[in-house]
Protein backbone atom coordinates (compact mmCIF):
# COMPACT_ATOMS: atom_id res chain seq x y z
CA MET A 1 -19.23 -22.23 -53.99
CA SER A 2 -22.76 -23.57 -53.50
CA ALA A 3 -24.25 -23.12 -50.06
CA PRO A 4 -23.93 -26.22 -47.84
CA ALA A 5 -26.78 -27.76 -45.91
CA LEU A 6 -25.12 -27.35 -42.53
CA SER A 7 -22.51 -25.00 -41.05
CA PHE A 8 -20.59 -25.94 -37.89
CA VAL A 9 -19.74 -22.69 -36.08
CA ILE A 10 -17.12 -23.03 -33.34
CA PRO A 11 -15.93 -20.10 -31.16
CA LEU A 12 -12.34 -20.62 -30.04
CA TYR A 13 -10.43 -19.42 -27.02
CA ARG A 14 -7.14 -21.07 -26.11
CA SER A 15 -8.15 -24.18 -28.05
CA ALA A 16 -4.82 -25.30 -29.49
CA GLU A 17 -4.96 -28.66 -27.69
CA THR A 18 -8.54 -29.58 -28.56
CA ILE A 19 -9.73 -28.03 -31.82
CA GLY A 20 -7.80 -30.38 -34.12
CA ALA A 21 -9.67 -33.48 -32.94
CA VAL A 22 -13.03 -31.67 -33.16
CA VAL A 23 -12.40 -30.52 -36.74
CA HIS A 24 -11.18 -33.95 -37.89
CA THR A 25 -14.32 -35.56 -36.46
CA ILE A 26 -16.54 -33.07 -38.29
CA GLU A 27 -14.62 -33.62 -41.53
CA GLY A 28 -15.41 -37.32 -41.32
CA LEU A 29 -19.18 -36.79 -41.13
CA THR A 30 -21.46 -37.50 -44.07
CA ILE A 31 -24.03 -34.72 -44.43
CA ALA A 32 -26.64 -34.77 -47.20
CA GLY A 33 -26.13 -31.49 -49.06
CA GLY A 34 -22.62 -30.97 -47.69
CA HIS A 35 -21.25 -29.10 -44.70
CA GLU A 36 -18.67 -26.49 -43.77
CA ILE A 37 -16.78 -25.40 -40.66
CA VAL A 38 -16.49 -21.82 -39.42
CA LEU A 39 -13.83 -21.24 -36.76
CA VAL A 40 -13.74 -17.94 -34.86
CA ASN A 41 -10.51 -17.36 -32.93
CA ASP A 42 -11.60 -14.97 -30.19
CA GLY A 43 -8.25 -13.40 -29.33
CA SER A 44 -6.55 -16.54 -28.03
CA GLY A 45 -3.13 -15.96 -26.52
CA ASP A 46 -1.81 -19.45 -27.31
CA ALA A 47 -1.12 -21.26 -30.60
CA THR A 48 -4.79 -21.59 -31.54
CA GLY A 49 -4.38 -19.39 -34.65
CA ASP A 50 -1.42 -21.42 -35.96
CA VAL A 51 -3.21 -24.72 -35.37
CA CYS A 52 -6.30 -23.45 -37.20
CA ARG A 53 -4.25 -22.27 -40.17
CA GLU A 54 -2.85 -25.77 -40.55
CA LEU A 55 -6.38 -27.16 -40.39
CA VAL A 56 -7.47 -24.74 -43.12
CA LYS A 57 -4.46 -25.66 -45.25
CA ASN A 58 -5.26 -29.40 -45.05
CA ALA A 59 -9.05 -29.09 -45.03
CA LYS A 60 -11.20 -31.95 -46.33
CA VAL A 61 -14.36 -29.83 -46.19
CA PRO A 62 -14.66 -26.04 -46.65
CA ILE A 63 -13.24 -24.27 -43.58
CA THR A 64 -13.35 -20.54 -42.82
CA LEU A 65 -11.11 -19.12 -40.09
CA VAL A 66 -12.09 -15.71 -38.69
CA GLU A 67 -9.57 -13.95 -36.45
CA HIS A 68 -10.86 -11.46 -33.88
CA ALA A 69 -8.54 -8.55 -33.09
CA ARG A 70 -8.98 -9.24 -29.34
CA ASN A 71 -11.11 -11.29 -26.98
CA TYR A 72 -14.78 -10.26 -27.08
CA GLY A 73 -16.53 -13.23 -25.49
CA GLU A 74 -18.27 -16.40 -26.63
CA HIS A 75 -21.58 -14.88 -27.73
CA ASN A 76 -19.84 -12.15 -29.75
CA ALA A 77 -17.70 -14.82 -31.41
CA VAL A 78 -20.73 -16.95 -32.29
CA LEU A 79 -22.41 -13.94 -33.94
CA THR A 80 -19.24 -13.36 -36.01
CA GLY A 81 -19.32 -17.01 -37.05
CA TRP A 82 -22.98 -16.79 -38.05
CA ARG A 83 -22.18 -13.79 -40.24
CA HIS A 84 -19.63 -15.86 -42.17
CA ALA A 85 -21.63 -19.11 -42.34
CA ARG A 86 -23.43 -20.06 -45.55
CA GLY A 87 -25.45 -23.11 -44.49
CA ALA A 88 -29.23 -23.53 -44.56
CA HIS A 89 -28.84 -24.47 -40.89
CA LEU A 90 -26.13 -23.49 -38.42
CA VAL A 91 -25.08 -25.44 -35.38
CA ASN A 92 -22.67 -24.01 -32.85
CA LEU A 93 -20.68 -26.22 -30.50
CA ASP A 94 -17.84 -25.92 -28.02
CA ASP A 95 -14.17 -26.09 -28.98
CA ASP A 96 -13.25 -28.63 -26.31
CA GLY A 97 -14.95 -31.72 -27.72
CA GLN A 98 -17.63 -31.88 -25.02
CA ASN A 99 -20.34 -31.49 -27.68
CA PRO A 100 -19.92 -34.55 -29.95
CA PRO A 101 -20.38 -33.55 -33.63
CA THR A 102 -22.64 -36.58 -34.09
CA GLU A 103 -25.01 -35.04 -31.55
CA ALA A 104 -24.87 -31.78 -33.54
CA VAL A 105 -26.10 -33.74 -36.55
CA ARG A 106 -29.02 -35.00 -34.44
CA LEU A 107 -29.95 -31.38 -33.62
CA TRP A 108 -29.89 -30.57 -37.34
CA GLU A 109 -32.03 -33.60 -38.21
CA GLU A 110 -34.56 -32.62 -35.55
CA ALA A 111 -34.72 -29.07 -36.92
CA LYS A 112 -35.33 -30.36 -40.46
CA ALA A 113 -37.93 -32.93 -39.38
CA THR A 114 -39.96 -30.55 -37.21
CA GLY A 115 -39.46 -27.26 -39.06
CA LEU A 116 -38.37 -25.57 -35.82
CA ASP A 117 -36.24 -22.44 -36.07
CA VAL A 118 -34.10 -23.36 -33.05
CA VAL A 119 -33.34 -26.73 -31.47
CA PHE A 120 -31.40 -26.75 -28.20
CA GLY A 121 -29.42 -29.66 -26.84
CA HIS A 122 -30.57 -30.72 -23.38
CA TYR A 123 -27.74 -32.55 -21.66
CA GLU A 124 -28.55 -35.92 -20.15
CA GLU A 125 -25.65 -35.48 -17.73
CA LYS A 126 -23.31 -32.49 -17.76
CA GLN A 127 -19.59 -33.08 -17.42
CA HIS A 128 -18.81 -29.65 -15.98
CA SER A 129 -17.58 -28.70 -12.53
CA ALA A 130 -20.17 -28.40 -9.76
CA TRP A 131 -19.98 -24.59 -9.59
CA ARG A 132 -20.48 -24.22 -13.34
CA ASN A 133 -23.42 -26.64 -13.33
CA PHE A 134 -24.94 -24.52 -10.56
CA GLY A 135 -24.30 -21.38 -12.64
CA SER A 136 -26.11 -22.91 -15.64
CA TRP A 137 -29.03 -23.99 -13.46
CA PHE A 138 -29.24 -20.55 -11.86
CA THR A 139 -29.14 -18.82 -15.25
CA ASN A 140 -31.97 -20.97 -16.60
CA ARG A 141 -34.11 -20.38 -13.51
CA MET A 142 -33.61 -16.62 -13.65
CA THR A 143 -34.31 -16.43 -17.39
CA ASP A 144 -37.66 -18.11 -16.70
CA TRP A 145 -38.93 -14.70 -15.58
CA ALA A 146 -36.50 -12.39 -17.36
CA LEU A 147 -37.02 -13.74 -20.90
CA ASP A 148 -40.07 -14.63 -22.96
CA LYS A 149 -39.61 -18.39 -22.96
CA PRO A 150 -41.64 -21.38 -21.76
CA ARG A 151 -41.15 -21.77 -18.03
CA GLY A 152 -38.59 -24.44 -17.25
CA PHE A 153 -37.42 -24.73 -20.86
CA TYR A 154 -33.70 -25.52 -20.89
CA LEU A 155 -31.46 -23.12 -22.79
CA SER A 156 -27.95 -24.24 -23.71
CA SER A 157 -25.06 -23.05 -25.86
CA PHE A 158 -25.37 -26.23 -27.96
CA ARG A 159 -28.01 -25.26 -30.51
CA CYS A 160 -29.02 -25.53 -34.16
CA VAL A 161 -30.66 -22.53 -35.83
CA SER A 162 -32.09 -21.91 -39.27
CA ALA A 163 -30.36 -19.50 -41.62
CA PHE A 164 -33.48 -17.31 -41.49
CA VAL A 165 -33.22 -16.84 -37.71
CA ALA A 166 -29.44 -16.40 -37.82
CA LYS A 167 -29.82 -13.63 -40.40
CA GLN A 168 -32.24 -11.76 -38.14
CA VAL A 169 -30.09 -12.18 -35.03
CA VAL A 170 -26.80 -11.01 -36.58
CA SER A 171 -28.37 -7.65 -37.40
CA TYR A 172 -28.00 -6.85 -33.69
CA ALA A 173 -24.97 -4.58 -33.28
CA GLY A 174 -24.96 -3.95 -29.51
CA PRO A 175 -21.77 -4.61 -27.56
CA PHE A 176 -23.37 -6.98 -25.01
CA PRO A 177 -25.21 -9.71 -26.96
CA TYR A 178 -26.99 -12.59 -25.26
CA LEU A 179 -27.81 -15.14 -27.94
CA ASP A 180 -30.76 -16.83 -26.30
CA GLY A 181 -32.40 -13.48 -25.64
CA LEU A 182 -31.90 -12.47 -29.27
CA LEU A 183 -33.27 -15.80 -30.52
CA LEU A 184 -36.38 -15.52 -28.36
CA GLN A 185 -37.00 -12.00 -29.69
CA VAL A 186 -37.07 -13.42 -33.23
CA THR A 187 -38.99 -16.69 -32.90
CA GLN A 188 -40.98 -18.90 -30.56
CA ARG A 189 -40.64 -21.95 -32.78
CA ILE A 190 -38.12 -23.60 -30.48
CA GLY A 191 -37.57 -27.12 -29.22
CA SER A 192 -35.00 -29.34 -27.59
CA ILE A 193 -33.72 -32.91 -27.58
CA SER A 194 -31.57 -34.83 -25.11
CA VAL A 195 -27.92 -35.04 -26.13
CA ARG A 196 -24.73 -36.49 -24.72
CA HIS A 197 -22.15 -34.31 -23.01
CA VAL A 198 -18.70 -35.87 -22.76
CA ALA A 199 -15.67 -35.06 -20.65
CA ARG A 200 -13.27 -32.37 -21.84
CA GLN A 201 -10.49 -33.78 -24.02
CA ALA A 202 -7.64 -31.62 -22.70
CA GLY A 203 -6.86 -28.42 -20.82
CA GLU A 204 -9.18 -26.51 -18.51
CA SER A 205 -12.33 -24.52 -19.13
CA SER A 206 -11.80 -20.79 -19.68
CA TYR A 207 -15.17 -20.02 -18.09
CA THR A 208 -14.75 -18.18 -14.81
CA LEU A 209 -17.20 -16.80 -12.29
CA ARG A 210 -16.53 -13.33 -13.72
CA ARG A 211 -17.55 -14.48 -17.23
CA LEU A 212 -20.71 -16.09 -15.88
CA ILE A 213 -21.65 -12.90 -14.04
CA ARG A 214 -21.15 -10.89 -17.25
CA LEU A 215 -23.42 -13.38 -19.03
CA TRP A 216 -26.10 -13.05 -16.35
CA MET A 217 -25.94 -9.26 -16.58
CA SER A 218 -26.36 -9.38 -20.37
CA ALA A 219 -29.32 -11.73 -20.05
CA TRP A 220 -31.19 -9.73 -17.41
CA ILE A 221 -30.32 -6.13 -18.23
CA ASN A 222 -30.04 -6.11 -22.04
CA PHE A 223 -33.20 -8.09 -22.70
CA SER A 224 -35.56 -7.28 -19.85
CA VAL A 225 -36.75 -4.31 -17.79
CA LEU A 226 -37.87 -6.67 -15.03
CA PRO A 227 -34.86 -5.82 -12.81
CA LEU A 228 -36.00 -2.18 -12.84
CA ARG A 229 -39.50 -3.26 -11.84
CA VAL A 230 -38.06 -5.36 -9.04
CA ALA A 231 -36.03 -2.32 -7.95
CA THR A 232 -39.18 -0.21 -7.92
CA PHE A 233 -41.03 -2.81 -5.84
CA LEU A 234 -38.09 -3.14 -3.45
CA GLY A 235 -37.95 0.64 -3.05
CA LEU A 236 -41.67 0.69 -2.29
CA VAL A 237 -41.30 -2.06 0.31
CA VAL A 238 -38.41 -0.24 2.00
CA ALA A 239 -40.40 3.01 2.00
CA VAL A 240 -43.40 1.28 3.63
CA VAL A 241 -41.15 -0.31 6.25
CA GLY A 242 -39.63 3.12 6.92
CA LEU A 243 -43.07 4.68 7.43
CA LEU A 244 -44.09 1.86 9.77
CA ALA A 245 -40.86 2.33 11.73
CA LEU A 246 -41.55 6.06 11.92
CA GLY A 247 -45.02 5.35 13.26
CA GLY A 248 -43.52 3.05 15.88
CA VAL A 249 -41.03 5.73 16.95
CA VAL A 250 -43.83 8.30 17.27
CA TRP A 251 -45.89 5.87 19.36
CA LEU A 252 -42.92 5.17 21.66
CA TRP A 253 -42.27 8.91 22.04
CA TRP A 254 -45.90 9.63 22.77
CA ASN A 255 -45.93 6.98 25.50
CA ASP A 256 -42.49 7.93 26.77
CA ARG A 257 -41.23 4.41 26.15
CA GLY A 258 -38.30 5.10 23.81
CA PRO A 259 -35.56 2.45 23.37
CA SER A 260 -32.46 2.66 25.50
CA TYR A 261 -30.02 2.58 22.55
CA GLY A 262 -31.52 5.08 20.14
CA PHE A 263 -28.24 5.75 18.34
CA GLY A 264 -27.82 2.07 17.45
CA TRP A 265 -31.37 1.85 16.09
CA MET A 266 -30.88 5.01 14.06
CA MET A 267 -27.58 3.84 12.52
CA SER A 268 -29.02 0.41 11.68
CA ALA A 269 -31.94 1.99 9.87
CA LEU A 270 -29.63 4.45 8.12
CA LEU A 271 -27.37 1.67 6.87
CA ILE A 272 -30.32 -0.40 5.61
CA PHE A 273 -31.89 2.48 3.70
CA SER A 274 -28.59 3.82 2.38
CA GLY A 275 -27.50 0.37 1.21
CA THR A 276 -30.82 -0.18 -0.56
CA GLN A 277 -30.55 3.19 -2.30
CA LEU A 278 -26.99 2.50 -3.45
CA LEU A 279 -28.04 -0.92 -4.75
CA LEU A 280 -30.89 0.57 -6.78
CA LEU A 281 -28.70 3.40 -8.05
CA GLY A 282 -26.10 0.86 -9.14
CA LEU A 283 -28.73 -1.11 -11.06
CA ILE A 284 -30.00 2.02 -12.80
CA GLY A 285 -26.41 3.05 -13.49
CA GLU A 286 -25.73 -0.31 -15.15
CA TYR A 287 -28.62 0.31 -17.55
CA ILE A 288 -27.41 3.85 -18.29
CA GLY A 289 -23.79 2.71 -18.70
CA ARG A 290 -24.74 0.06 -21.23
CA MET A 291 -26.88 2.58 -23.10
CA PHE A 292 -23.90 4.96 -23.15
CA LEU A 293 -21.58 2.30 -24.59
CA ALA A 294 -24.17 1.32 -27.21
CA VAL A 295 -24.79 4.95 -28.24
CA ASN A 296 -21.03 5.49 -28.56
CA GLN A 297 -20.92 2.38 -30.78
CA ARG A 298 -18.58 0.23 -28.75
CA PRO A 299 -17.77 -2.57 -31.22
CA GLN A 300 -19.37 -5.94 -30.75
CA SER A 301 -16.26 -7.43 -32.39
CA VAL A 302 -13.48 -6.47 -34.78
CA VAL A 303 -12.35 -8.95 -37.42
CA ARG A 304 -8.63 -8.82 -38.11
CA GLU A 305 -8.45 -11.49 -40.81
CA VAL A 306 -10.50 -14.11 -42.65
CA VAL A 307 -8.78 -17.22 -44.03
CA GLN A 308 -10.62 -19.73 -46.21
CA SER A 309 -9.68 -23.15 -47.53
CA ARG A 310 -9.40 -23.60 -51.28
């Protein structure tokens, strides 16, 4: 088959109720040069796989279904989808209908018109819960200093990338990918446009606080050594405070003006310094642990099956 102009890559997790409407909407689009759909079922425990097989069977445009052997996470699933996509541009969108496919076409048109490698969708108004909106805001603020991106530039999971950039990114084989970090390592030709974000069609979001924390860790630890530098600075500050405290104790002793509750002061200082040391050791251990898993080739994903429409 000839390569299409645009590939819609959709990671799926417990999407049985929503993916049908999303696929039917994409099938009804008119794309100059043609388009395809790549569905990646990331170890869903519901009927997502069965629903997708019916969609493949009755496909009106080329559809590829990739089945992961277990759940690996959204970013791992997107990378699997990019590996199976054939389009000159690839746009990835959510499985719940909150990213309208017509807005995905606008991202693609912007990428073609400007020649940018990556075009992000900047939501005019997000239809997520308050805690998740805060999580997204916090992630973007923290990546301002952790990643090599323009300060204040909004990163989102709704993005269109060129096949060139996708090919470079999918060569990454580490078990903890963070897509935006990988994209910014490849190119600085990025842009964004405002897009609509609609309410979820059915069900509840599978994003939890635990998943967001894992995403933050991947963003800050896998793609930046800045946390280690912060740890070094924090250790230096604590050491200086300790020396100043020691000088104060010596002065009090010399003038016979020691505090009445020396044991309490000593234990407070001990807890502060011990807690700081454990925090820094934990941070260093996180780096070493991830290096260990990467060296031992923990799989980024395992594909159980690939089903394609005729």
